[in-house]
């Protein structure tokens, strides 16, 4: 099951990278890799221990915050999108609990 989650998250990351165009003010591959890693950590924390999940979400937010602090809101939004898409692909129920229903 864990391998399936990692595979789905990686596929989501690759899909987001492939859809991106050139000329970005940030490294899409780097942001995608960080978001996919954050999604994997959240998924690995999923279970009955809500504190572990909350900690993993806070860690993901900390990674996102570095883009905001650097003044790169576009990268922060891209991080959010890849994170959400990766979680929705791997666990729609958990993603809905974290982000609300998919739009």
N, C-alpha and C. Protein backbone atom coordinates (compact mmCIF):
# COMPACT_ATOMS: atom_id res chain seq x y z
N UNK A 1 0.82 -1.19 0.00
CA UNK A 1 0.00 0.00 0.00
C UNK A 1 0.86 1.26 0.00
N UNK A 2 1.92 1.24 0.79
CA UNK A 2 2.80 2.40 0.88
C UNK A 2 3.47 2.67 -0.47
N UNK A 3 3.86 1.59 -1.17
CA UNK A 3 4.48 1.77 -2.48
C UNK A 3 3.50 2.37 -3.47
N UNK A 4 2.23 1.99 -3.38
CA UNK A 4 1.20 2.55 -4.25
C UNK A 4 1.07 4.04 -4.00
N UNK A 5 1.09 4.44 -2.75
CA UNK A 5 0.98 5.85 -2.40
C UNK A 5 2.16 6.63 -2.96
N UNK A 6 3.36 6.11 -2.77
CA UNK A 6 4.56 6.78 -3.29
C UNK A 6 4.51 6.87 -4.81
N UNK A 7 4.05 5.81 -5.45
CA UNK A 7 3.96 5.80 -6.91
C UNK A 7 2.97 6.84 -7.39
N UNK A 8 1.80 6.90 -6.76
CA UNK A 8 0.79 7.88 -7.16
C UNK A 8 1.28 9.30 -6.94
N UNK A 9 1.93 9.53 -5.81
CA UNK A 9 2.45 10.87 -5.53
C UNK A 9 3.52 11.27 -6.55
N UNK A 10 4.36 10.33 -6.91
CA UNK A 10 5.41 10.60 -7.89
C UNK A 10 4.80 10.88 -9.25
N UNK A 11 3.78 10.11 -9.63
CA UNK A 11 3.11 10.35 -10.90
C UNK A 11 2.45 11.72 -10.94
N UNK A 12 1.84 12.11 -9.83
CA UNK A 12 1.22 13.44 -9.77
C UNK A 12 2.28 14.52 -9.91
N UNK A 13 3.42 14.31 -9.26
CA UNK A 13 4.51 15.27 -9.34
C UNK A 13 5.01 15.38 -10.78
N UNK A 14 5.19 14.26 -11.44
CA UNK A 14 5.67 14.27 -12.82
C UNK A 14 4.67 14.92 -13.76
N UNK A 15 3.38 14.66 -13.52
CA UNK A 15 2.35 15.27 -14.36
C UNK A 15 2.36 16.79 -14.21
N UNK A 16 2.51 17.26 -12.99
CA UNK A 16 2.55 18.70 -12.77
C UNK A 16 3.79 19.30 -13.41
N UNK A 17 4.90 18.61 -13.35
CA UNK A 17 6.14 19.10 -13.95
C UNK A 17 6.01 19.14 -15.47
N UNK A 18 5.41 18.12 -16.05
CA UNK A 18 5.27 18.05 -17.50
C UNK A 18 4.34 19.13 -18.02
N UNK A 19 3.35 19.54 -17.23
CA UNK A 19 2.39 20.55 -17.66
C UNK A 19 2.97 21.95 -17.60
N UNK A 20 4.03 22.13 -16.87
CA UNK A 20 4.59 23.46 -16.69
C UNK A 20 5.31 23.95 -17.92
N UNK A 21 5.22 25.25 -18.14
CA UNK A 21 5.92 25.86 -19.25
C UNK A 21 7.24 26.44 -18.78
N UNK A 22 7.93 27.05 -19.70
CA UNK A 22 9.21 27.67 -19.35
C UNK A 22 9.00 29.07 -18.81
N UNK A 23 10.08 29.70 -18.43
CA UNK A 23 10.02 31.07 -18.01
C UNK A 23 9.55 31.30 -16.59
N UNK A 24 9.50 30.28 -15.78
CA UNK A 24 9.08 30.46 -14.40
C UNK A 24 10.19 31.14 -13.61
N UNK A 25 9.77 31.80 -12.54
CA UNK A 25 10.74 32.46 -11.68
C UNK A 25 11.21 31.54 -10.56
N UNK A 26 10.97 30.24 -10.72
CA UNK A 26 11.40 29.25 -9.73
C UNK A 26 11.63 27.92 -10.43
N UNK A 27 12.30 27.03 -9.74
CA UNK A 27 12.61 25.70 -10.27
C UNK A 27 11.43 24.77 -10.01
N UNK A 28 10.62 24.54 -11.04
CA UNK A 28 9.42 23.71 -10.90
C UNK A 28 9.76 22.30 -10.40
N UNK A 29 10.85 21.74 -10.88
CA UNK A 29 11.22 20.38 -10.45
C UNK A 29 11.54 20.35 -8.96
N UNK A 30 12.25 21.36 -8.48
CA UNK A 30 12.60 21.41 -7.07
C UNK A 30 11.36 21.56 -6.20
N UNK A 31 10.48 22.48 -6.60
CA UNK A 31 9.25 22.69 -5.83
C UNK A 31 8.39 21.43 -5.87
N UNK A 32 8.28 20.80 -7.04
CA UNK A 32 7.49 19.57 -7.17
C UNK A 32 8.05 18.46 -6.29
N UNK A 33 9.37 18.33 -6.28
CA UNK A 33 10.00 17.30 -5.46
C UNK A 33 9.74 17.54 -3.98
N UNK A 34 9.84 18.80 -3.55
CA UNK A 34 9.59 19.12 -2.14
C UNK A 34 8.13 18.87 -1.77
N UNK A 35 7.22 19.23 -2.66
CA UNK A 35 5.79 19.02 -2.39
C UNK A 35 5.45 17.53 -2.37
N UNK A 36 6.01 16.77 -3.30
CA UNK A 36 5.75 15.33 -3.32
C UNK A 36 6.32 14.66 -2.07
N UNK A 37 7.49 15.11 -1.64
CA UNK A 37 8.07 14.58 -0.41
C UNK A 37 7.16 14.90 0.78
N UNK A 38 6.68 16.13 0.85
CA UNK A 38 5.78 16.52 1.94
C UNK A 38 4.51 15.66 1.92
N UNK A 39 3.99 15.40 0.73
CA UNK A 39 2.80 14.56 0.62
C UNK A 39 3.10 13.14 1.12
N UNK A 40 4.26 12.62 0.76
CA UNK A 40 4.65 11.29 1.21
C UNK A 40 4.78 11.23 2.73
N UNK A 41 5.34 12.28 3.33
CA UNK A 41 5.48 12.32 4.78
C UNK A 41 4.10 12.37 5.44
N UNK A 42 3.21 13.16 4.89
CA UNK A 42 1.85 13.23 5.43
C UNK A 42 1.17 11.88 5.33
N UNK A 43 1.29 11.23 4.16
CA UNK A 43 0.67 9.91 3.97
C UNK A 43 1.27 8.88 4.92
N UNK A 44 2.57 8.93 5.12
CA UNK A 44 3.22 7.98 6.03
C UNK A 44 2.77 8.22 7.47
N UNK A 45 2.36 9.45 7.78
CA UNK A 45 1.91 9.78 9.13
C UNK A 45 0.45 9.45 9.35
N UNK A 46 -0.27 9.22 8.25
CA UNK A 46 -1.71 8.97 8.35
C UNK A 46 -1.98 7.70 9.15
N UNK A 47 -2.99 7.76 9.94
CA UNK A 47 -3.37 6.64 10.78
C UNK A 47 -4.19 7.18 11.94
N UNK A 48 -4.07 6.56 13.06
CA UNK A 48 -4.85 6.99 14.22
C UNK A 48 -4.20 8.11 15.02
N UNK A 49 -2.95 8.42 14.74
CA UNK A 49 -2.23 9.44 15.51
C UNK A 49 -2.35 10.79 14.82
N UNK A 50 -3.33 11.58 15.24
CA UNK A 50 -3.55 12.87 14.60
C UNK A 50 -2.41 13.85 14.86
N UNK A 51 -1.68 13.67 15.95
CA UNK A 51 -0.54 14.55 16.21
C UNK A 51 0.55 14.38 15.16
N UNK A 52 0.77 13.15 14.71
CA UNK A 52 1.77 12.91 13.67
C UNK A 52 1.34 13.58 12.36
N UNK A 53 0.07 13.47 12.04
CA UNK A 53 -0.44 14.10 10.81
C UNK A 53 -0.29 15.61 10.92
N UNK A 54 -0.68 16.17 12.06
CA UNK A 54 -0.57 17.61 12.25
C UNK A 54 0.88 18.07 12.14
N UNK A 55 1.78 17.31 12.71
CA UNK A 55 3.20 17.65 12.63
C UNK A 55 3.67 17.64 11.17
N UNK A 56 3.26 16.63 10.42
CA UNK A 56 3.65 16.53 9.01
C UNK A 56 3.08 17.69 8.21
N UNK A 57 1.86 18.11 8.52
CA UNK A 57 1.25 19.26 7.83
C UNK A 57 2.00 20.55 8.16
N UNK A 58 2.37 20.70 9.43
CA UNK A 58 3.14 21.88 9.83
C UNK A 58 4.49 21.91 9.13
N UNK A 59 5.13 20.75 9.01
CA UNK A 59 6.41 20.68 8.30
C UNK A 59 6.23 21.07 6.83
N UNK A 60 5.15 20.62 6.21
CA UNK A 60 4.88 20.99 4.81
C UNK A 60 4.67 22.50 4.71
N UNK A 61 3.94 23.05 5.67
CA UNK A 61 3.70 24.50 5.67
C UNK A 61 5.02 25.26 5.83
N UNK A 62 5.93 24.74 6.61
CA UNK A 62 7.23 25.38 6.80
C UNK A 62 8.02 25.41 5.48
N UNK A 63 7.94 24.33 4.71
CA UNK A 63 8.62 24.30 3.41
C UNK A 63 8.00 25.35 2.49
N UNK A 64 6.66 25.41 2.49
CA UNK A 64 5.95 26.40 1.67
C UNK A 64 6.33 27.81 2.09
N UNK A 65 6.48 28.03 3.37
CA UNK A 65 6.76 29.36 3.90
C UNK A 65 8.08 29.93 3.40
N UNK A 66 9.03 29.08 3.12
CA UNK A 66 10.32 29.61 2.63
C UNK A 66 10.13 30.31 1.29
N UNK A 67 9.21 29.84 0.47
CA UNK A 67 8.93 30.51 -0.81
C UNK A 67 8.26 31.86 -0.57
N UNK A 68 7.33 31.90 0.37
CA UNK A 68 6.65 33.15 0.70
C UNK A 68 7.64 34.16 1.25
N UNK A 69 8.51 33.71 2.16
CA UNK A 69 9.51 34.61 2.74
C UNK A 69 10.51 35.11 1.70
N UNK A 70 10.75 34.32 0.67
CA UNK A 70 11.63 34.73 -0.42
C UNK A 70 10.91 35.63 -1.41
N UNK A 71 9.62 35.88 -1.17
CA UNK A 71 8.84 36.73 -2.06
C UNK A 71 8.38 36.03 -3.32
N UNK A 72 8.38 34.70 -3.32
CA UNK A 72 7.99 33.95 -4.51
C UNK A 72 6.64 33.27 -4.27
N UNK A 73 5.59 34.07 -4.34
CA UNK A 73 4.23 33.57 -4.11
C UNK A 73 3.83 32.54 -5.17
N UNK A 74 4.33 32.70 -6.38
CA UNK A 74 4.02 31.75 -7.46
C UNK A 74 4.53 30.35 -7.11
N UNK A 75 5.73 30.27 -6.57
CA UNK A 75 6.29 28.98 -6.15
C UNK A 75 5.49 28.41 -4.99
N UNK A 76 5.06 29.26 -4.06
CA UNK A 76 4.26 28.80 -2.92
C UNK A 76 2.93 28.23 -3.40
N UNK A 77 2.30 28.89 -4.36
CA UNK A 77 1.04 28.39 -4.90
C UNK A 77 1.24 27.08 -5.65
N UNK A 78 2.35 26.99 -6.37
CA UNK A 78 2.65 25.75 -7.09
C UNK A 78 2.89 24.61 -6.11
N UNK A 79 3.60 24.89 -5.03
CA UNK A 79 3.82 23.89 -3.97
C UNK A 79 2.48 23.40 -3.44
N UNK A 80 1.58 24.33 -3.13
CA UNK A 80 0.25 23.96 -2.64
C UNK A 80 -0.48 23.05 -3.62
N UNK A 81 -0.41 23.41 -4.90
CA UNK A 81 -1.12 22.63 -5.92
C UNK A 81 -0.58 21.21 -6.04
N UNK A 82 0.74 21.09 -6.09
CA UNK A 82 1.35 19.76 -6.21
C UNK A 82 1.07 18.93 -4.96
N UNK A 83 1.16 19.56 -3.80
CA UNK A 83 0.88 18.86 -2.54
C UNK A 83 -0.55 18.35 -2.54
N UNK A 84 -1.50 19.22 -2.85
CA UNK A 84 -2.91 18.83 -2.86
C UNK A 84 -3.18 17.75 -3.89
N UNK A 85 -2.64 17.90 -5.10
CA UNK A 85 -2.87 16.91 -6.15
C UNK A 85 -2.26 15.56 -5.78
N UNK A 86 -1.09 15.59 -5.18
CA UNK A 86 -0.44 14.34 -4.77
C UNK A 86 -1.26 13.63 -3.70
N UNK A 87 -1.74 14.38 -2.73
CA UNK A 87 -2.56 13.76 -1.68
C UNK A 87 -3.89 13.28 -2.22
N UNK A 88 -4.50 14.06 -3.11
CA UNK A 88 -5.78 13.63 -3.69
C UNK A 88 -5.63 12.35 -4.51
N UNK A 89 -4.50 12.21 -5.18
CA UNK A 89 -4.25 11.00 -5.97
C UNK A 89 -4.03 9.79 -5.07
N UNK A 90 -3.35 10.00 -3.96
CA UNK A 90 -3.01 8.89 -3.07
C UNK A 90 -4.12 8.57 -2.08
N UNK A 91 -4.76 9.59 -1.56
CA UNK A 91 -5.80 9.38 -0.54
C UNK A 91 -6.82 10.52 -0.61
N UNK A 92 -7.84 10.36 -1.45
CA UNK A 92 -8.84 11.42 -1.59
C UNK A 92 -9.52 11.79 -0.26
N UNK A 93 -9.73 10.81 0.59
CA UNK A 93 -10.40 11.08 1.86
C UNK A 93 -9.52 11.96 2.76
N UNK A 94 -8.25 11.62 2.89
CA UNK A 94 -7.34 12.42 3.70
C UNK A 94 -7.19 13.82 3.11
N UNK A 95 -7.06 13.91 1.79
CA UNK A 95 -6.93 15.21 1.13
C UNK A 95 -8.17 16.07 1.38
N UNK A 96 -9.34 15.46 1.34
CA UNK A 96 -10.58 16.21 1.61
C UNK A 96 -10.61 16.72 3.04
N UNK A 97 -10.08 15.94 3.97
CA UNK A 97 -10.03 16.38 5.36
C UNK A 97 -9.08 17.54 5.54
N UNK A 98 -8.00 17.55 4.78
CA UNK A 98 -6.99 18.60 4.92
C UNK A 98 -7.37 19.84 4.12
N UNK A 99 -7.76 19.67 2.85
CA UNK A 99 -7.98 20.79 1.94
C UNK A 99 -9.45 21.08 1.67
N UNK A 100 -10.35 20.23 2.11
CA UNK A 100 -11.75 20.35 1.75
C UNK A 100 -12.00 19.61 0.45
N UNK A 101 -13.23 19.58 -0.01
CA UNK A 101 -13.56 18.83 -1.24
C UNK A 101 -12.84 19.41 -2.45
N UNK A 102 -12.52 18.53 -3.39
CA UNK A 102 -11.84 18.95 -4.62
C UNK A 102 -12.75 19.87 -5.41
N UNK A 103 -12.14 20.84 -6.07
CA UNK A 103 -12.92 21.81 -6.87
C UNK A 103 -13.11 21.32 -8.26
